[in-house]
Amino acid sequence: MHIKVFFGSTSDEKIYPPLIEALKVKGINPELHIVSEHREAKRLLSLMNGGYATIGVVAGKGMFAFARH
């Protein structure tokens, strides 16, 4: 089984490794992509539509999404 995992920034790298490892332990092959939905919308759509069949998509939010500005 395959699943695509999307995060918007490498600044989230403390968050996605445990998720990737948990998926692997469950026998799921994760395909991690770091892509900004705001700056790279066309690339994101291409990645979501391309490649092999997947069982799902995980779109993660990192700590930046919860930071107060």
N, C-alpha and C. Protein backbone atom coordinates (compact mmCIF):
# COMPACT_ATOMS: atom_id res chain seq x y z
N MET A 1 0.84 -1.18 0.00
CA MET A 1 0.00 0.00 0.00
C MET A 1 0.89 1.24 0.00
N HIS A 2 0.42 2.26 -0.68
CA HIS A 2 1.13 3.52 -0.76
C HIS A 2 0.25 4.65 -0.26
N ILE A 3 0.90 5.65 0.32
CA ILE A 3 0.20 6.85 0.74
C ILE A 3 1.13 8.04 0.51
N LYS A 4 0.57 9.12 0.05
CA LYS A 4 1.34 10.35 -0.16
C LYS A 4 1.19 11.24 1.05
N VAL A 5 2.31 11.75 1.53
CA VAL A 5 2.34 12.63 2.72
C VAL A 5 2.88 13.98 2.28
N PHE A 6 2.15 15.04 2.57
CA PHE A 6 2.54 16.38 2.17
C PHE A 6 2.71 17.28 3.40
N PHE A 7 3.82 17.97 3.43
CA PHE A 7 4.06 19.03 4.41
C PHE A 7 4.54 20.24 3.64
N GLY A 8 4.27 21.42 4.18
CA GLY A 8 4.55 22.65 3.47
C GLY A 8 5.93 23.22 3.64
N SER A 9 6.72 22.68 4.57
CA SER A 9 8.02 23.29 4.83
C SER A 9 8.95 22.30 5.51
N THR A 10 10.24 22.47 5.25
CA THR A 10 11.23 21.66 5.96
C THR A 10 11.32 22.06 7.42
N SER A 11 10.75 23.21 7.79
CA SER A 11 10.75 23.60 9.20
C SER A 11 9.86 22.67 10.03
N ASP A 12 9.07 21.85 9.37
CA ASP A 12 8.20 20.88 10.06
C ASP A 12 8.90 19.55 10.29
N GLU A 13 10.21 19.47 10.02
CA GLU A 13 10.87 18.17 10.03
C GLU A 13 10.90 17.47 11.38
N LYS A 14 10.55 18.13 12.45
CA LYS A 14 10.42 17.44 13.74
C LYS A 14 9.09 16.70 13.83
N ILE A 15 8.17 17.06 12.97
CA ILE A 15 6.82 16.49 13.03
C ILE A 15 6.65 15.28 12.13
N TYR A 16 7.15 15.34 10.89
CA TYR A 16 6.82 14.26 9.96
C TYR A 16 7.61 12.97 10.11
N PRO A 17 8.84 12.93 10.64
CA PRO A 17 9.51 11.63 10.76
C PRO A 17 8.75 10.59 11.60
N PRO A 18 8.16 10.97 12.74
CA PRO A 18 7.40 9.95 13.49
C PRO A 18 6.21 9.42 12.70
N LEU A 19 5.57 10.27 11.92
CA LEU A 19 4.45 9.84 11.10
C LEU A 19 4.92 8.86 10.03
N ILE A 20 6.00 9.19 9.35
CA ILE A 20 6.56 8.33 8.32
C ILE A 20 6.93 6.96 8.89
N GLU A 21 7.58 6.96 10.05
CA GLU A 21 7.98 5.71 10.68
C GLU A 21 6.77 4.87 11.09
N ALA A 22 5.74 5.52 11.64
CA ALA A 22 4.53 4.79 12.04
C ALA A 22 3.85 4.15 10.84
N LEU A 23 3.83 4.84 9.72
CA LEU A 23 3.24 4.26 8.51
C LEU A 23 4.03 3.05 8.03
N LYS A 24 5.35 3.16 8.07
CA LYS A 24 6.20 2.04 7.65
C LYS A 24 5.99 0.82 8.53
N VAL A 25 5.87 1.03 9.83
CA VAL A 25 5.64 -0.07 10.78
C VAL A 25 4.33 -0.78 10.45
N LYS A 26 3.35 -0.04 9.97
CA LYS A 26 2.04 -0.61 9.61
C LYS A 26 2.04 -1.25 8.21
N GLY A 27 3.20 -1.25 7.55
CA GLY A 27 3.30 -1.86 6.24
C GLY A 27 2.86 -0.96 5.10
N ILE A 28 2.79 0.33 5.37
CA ILE A 28 2.39 1.30 4.35
C ILE A 28 3.63 2.01 3.84
N ASN A 29 3.74 2.16 2.54
CA ASN A 29 4.89 2.80 1.92
C ASN A 29 4.59 4.30 1.74
N PRO A 30 5.12 5.16 2.62
CA PRO A 30 4.83 6.59 2.50
C PRO A 30 5.73 7.25 1.46
N GLU A 31 5.17 8.20 0.74
CA GLU A 31 5.91 9.01 -0.23
C GLU A 31 5.84 10.45 0.27
N LEU A 32 6.91 10.92 0.88
CA LEU A 32 6.94 12.25 1.51
C LEU A 32 7.27 13.32 0.48
N HIS A 33 6.49 14.39 0.52
CA HIS A 33 6.73 15.55 -0.34
C HIS A 33 6.69 16.81 0.52
N ILE A 34 7.69 17.65 0.33
CA ILE A 34 7.70 18.96 0.97
C ILE A 34 7.36 19.96 -0.13
N VAL A 35 6.18 20.54 -0.06
CA VAL A 35 5.72 21.44 -1.12
C VAL A 35 4.76 22.47 -0.52
N SER A 36 4.99 23.73 -0.83
CA SER A 36 4.14 24.81 -0.33
C SER A 36 2.89 24.93 -1.17
N GLU A 37 1.74 24.82 -0.52
CA GLU A 37 0.49 24.97 -1.26
C GLU A 37 0.30 26.38 -1.78
N HIS A 38 0.93 27.34 -1.13
CA HIS A 38 0.78 28.75 -1.54
C HIS A 38 1.73 29.12 -2.68
N ARG A 39 2.97 28.66 -2.60
CA ARG A 39 3.97 29.04 -3.61
C ARG A 39 4.08 28.04 -4.75
N GLU A 40 3.63 26.80 -4.54
CA GLU A 40 3.83 25.75 -5.53
C GLU A 40 2.54 24.97 -5.81
N ALA A 41 1.46 25.68 -6.00
CA ALA A 41 0.15 25.03 -6.16
C ALA A 41 0.13 24.08 -7.36
N LYS A 42 0.70 24.49 -8.48
CA LYS A 42 0.70 23.61 -9.67
C LYS A 42 1.50 22.35 -9.43
N ARG A 43 2.65 22.48 -8.76
CA ARG A 43 3.47 21.30 -8.44
C ARG A 43 2.71 20.37 -7.50
N LEU A 44 2.04 20.95 -6.50
CA LEU A 44 1.26 20.14 -5.56
C LEU A 44 0.18 19.35 -6.29
N LEU A 45 -0.56 19.99 -7.17
CA LEU A 45 -1.61 19.29 -7.93
C LEU A 45 -1.02 18.19 -8.79
N SER A 46 0.13 18.46 -9.40
CA SER A 46 0.79 17.46 -10.23
C SER A 46 1.21 16.25 -9.39
N LEU A 47 1.76 16.50 -8.21
CA LEU A 47 2.18 15.40 -7.34
C LEU A 47 0.98 14.59 -6.84
N MET A 48 -0.12 15.28 -6.57
CA MET A 48 -1.30 14.57 -6.08
C MET A 48 -1.94 13.71 -7.17
N ASN A 49 -1.85 14.14 -8.41
CA ASN A 49 -2.49 13.42 -9.51
C ASN A 49 -1.57 12.41 -10.19
N GLY A 50 -0.28 12.54 -9.99
CA GLY A 50 0.66 11.69 -10.71
C GLY A 50 1.10 10.47 -9.92
N GLY A 51 1.82 9.61 -10.60
CA GLY A 51 2.42 8.45 -9.95
C GLY A 51 1.49 7.27 -9.85
N TYR A 52 1.85 6.38 -8.96
CA TYR A 52 1.13 5.13 -8.79
C TYR A 52 -0.13 5.33 -7.95
N ALA A 53 -0.94 4.31 -7.93
CA ALA A 53 -2.17 4.36 -7.15
C ALA A 53 -1.85 4.45 -5.66
N THR A 54 -2.57 5.26 -4.99
CA THR A 54 -2.37 5.42 -3.56
C THR A 54 -3.66 5.08 -2.83
N ILE A 55 -3.51 4.79 -1.53
CA ILE A 55 -4.70 4.52 -0.73
C ILE A 55 -5.20 5.80 -0.06
N GLY A 56 -4.38 6.84 -0.09
CA GLY A 56 -4.81 8.08 0.53
C GLY A 56 -3.72 9.13 0.53
N VAL A 57 -4.06 10.28 1.10
CA VAL A 57 -3.16 11.42 1.19
C VAL A 57 -3.22 11.95 2.61
N VAL A 58 -2.05 12.29 3.15
CA VAL A 58 -1.96 12.95 4.45
C VAL A 58 -1.39 14.34 4.20
N ALA A 59 -2.12 15.36 4.60
CA ALA A 59 -1.63 16.73 4.48
C ALA A 59 -1.42 17.25 5.89
N GLY A 60 -0.16 17.43 6.26
CA GLY A 60 0.17 17.82 7.63
C GLY A 60 0.38 19.31 7.79
N LYS A 61 0.11 19.78 8.99
CA LYS A 61 0.42 21.15 9.37
C LYS A 61 1.48 21.10 10.45
N GLY A 62 2.48 21.90 10.28
CA GLY A 62 3.55 21.95 11.26
C GLY A 62 3.29 22.97 12.33
N MET A 63 4.28 23.17 13.16
CA MET A 63 4.17 24.11 14.27
C MET A 63 4.00 25.54 13.79
N PHE A 64 4.51 25.89 12.61
CA PHE A 64 4.37 27.25 12.10
C PHE A 64 2.89 27.61 11.95
N ALA A 65 2.05 26.65 11.62
CA ALA A 65 0.63 26.91 11.43
C ALA A 65 -0.03 27.36 12.72
N PHE A 66 0.57 27.03 13.85
CA PHE A 66 -0.03 27.37 15.14
C PHE A 66 0.69 28.51 15.84
N ALA A 67 1.73 29.04 15.22
CA ALA A 67 2.50 30.14 15.83
C ALA A 67 1.71 31.43 15.73
N ARG A 68 1.83 32.24 16.75
CA ARG A 68 1.19 33.57 16.73
C ARG A 68 2.16 34.56 16.15
N HIS A 69 1.64 35.40 15.29
CA HIS A 69 2.47 36.41 14.63
C HIS A 69 2.20 37.78 15.21
